[in-house]
Protein backbone atom coordinates (compact mmCIF):
# COMPACT_ATOMS: atom_id res chain seq x y z
CA MET A 1 8.65 -23.11 8.35
CA SER A 2 8.38 -24.18 4.34
CA THR A 3 9.54 -22.54 1.64
CA ARG A 4 6.52 -21.69 -0.21
CA LEU A 5 5.66 -19.80 3.26
CA GLU A 6 8.50 -18.26 3.23
CA TYR A 7 8.53 -17.37 -0.87
CA LEU A 8 4.65 -15.98 -0.26
CA LYS A 9 5.87 -13.36 2.93
CA LYS A 10 8.74 -11.83 0.87
CA GLN A 11 6.27 -10.74 -1.91
CA TYR A 12 4.07 -10.00 0.08
CA ARG A 13 5.94 -7.59 1.66
CA ILE A 14 7.22 -6.43 -1.81
CA ILE A 15 3.81 -5.61 -2.06
CA TYR A 16 3.26 -3.47 1.15
CA GLU A 17 6.27 -1.35 0.91
CA SER A 18 5.47 -1.06 -3.15
CA LEU A 19 2.04 0.49 -2.24
CA ASP A 20 3.69 2.03 0.89
CA GLU A 21 5.41 4.20 -1.87
CA ASP A 22 2.81 4.92 -4.67
CA PRO A 23 -0.04 3.73 -3.39
CA ARG A 24 -0.94 4.16 -7.41
CA ILE A 25 1.39 2.18 -8.99
CA GLN A 26 0.23 0.15 -11.79
CA MET A 27 -0.24 -3.73 -11.96
CA LYS A 28 3.08 -3.81 -14.52
CA ASP A 29 5.30 -1.84 -12.64
CA LEU A 30 4.53 -4.30 -9.76
CA SER A 31 4.95 -7.26 -11.49
CA THR A 32 8.15 -5.82 -12.83
CA ILE A 33 8.90 -5.98 -9.28
CA LEU A 34 7.71 -9.21 -7.92
CA GLY A 35 9.82 -10.73 -11.06
CA VAL A 36 5.97 -12.59 -12.31
CA ASN A 37 3.35 -12.24 -14.89
CA ARG A 38 0.85 -9.14 -14.31
CA ASN A 39 -2.04 -12.35 -13.50
CA SER A 40 -0.01 -13.87 -11.05
CA ALA A 41 1.21 -10.22 -9.34
CA SER A 42 -3.23 -9.54 -9.12
CA LYS A 43 -3.55 -13.14 -7.42
CA LEU A 44 -0.99 -11.87 -5.44
CA VAL A 45 -2.35 -7.98 -4.40
CA GLU A 46 -5.46 -10.53 -3.85
CA LYS A 47 -3.93 -12.72 -1.15
CA ALA A 48 -2.15 -10.23 0.47
CA PHE A 49 -5.19 -8.31 1.19
CA GLU A 50 -7.53 -11.24 1.80
CA GLN A 51 -5.37 -12.10 3.97
CA GLU A 52 -4.70 -8.60 5.35
CA TYR A 53 -0.90 -8.34 4.82
CA VAL A 54 -2.21 -5.25 3.45
CA MET A 55 -5.14 -3.93 4.17
CA ILE A 56 -7.95 -2.21 1.85
CA PRO A 57 -6.88 0.98 0.07
CA GLN A 58 -7.79 4.86 2.04
CA ILE A 59 -8.69 7.85 0.15
CA ARG A 60 -5.39 10.26 0.05
CA LYS A 61 -5.74 14.01 -1.27
CA ARG A 62 -3.01 14.51 -3.92
CA SER A 63 0.31 16.17 -1.72
CA TYR A 64 2.11 18.88 -3.47
CA ALA A 65 5.57 20.14 -2.23
CA ASN A 66 4.07 23.51 -1.91
CA LEU A 67 0.99 22.30 -0.69
CA LYS A 68 0.23 24.73 2.82
CA GLU A 69 -1.83 23.07 5.24
CA TYR A 70 -3.44 25.30 8.43
CA VAL A 71 -4.02 24.28 11.92
CA TYR A 72 -6.67 26.33 13.91
CA LEU A 73 -6.18 26.28 17.44
CA ALA A 74 -9.52 27.61 19.36
CA ASN A 75 -10.17 28.13 23.40
CA TYR A 76 -13.79 27.81 24.75
CA GLU A 77 -14.72 27.86 27.88
CA ASN A 78 -17.80 26.78 29.19
CA HIS A 79 -20.47 29.95 31.05
């Protein structure tokens, strides 16, 4: 495997883990983590999405420490 391909895979993995940890991460923070400038980070993120190392964003609700979750159970019979 070429060193360039290995480098890109490592960068894509860092992008994946960073987005998994904080889906709202700013590009300047991601560029700092990757060790590249913002334009390069933006291109790397775009390529990671194109090559499907990272999937498209999902809509998520904000989670809070005191967020209550409810579960409803129902038992139905067919008559």
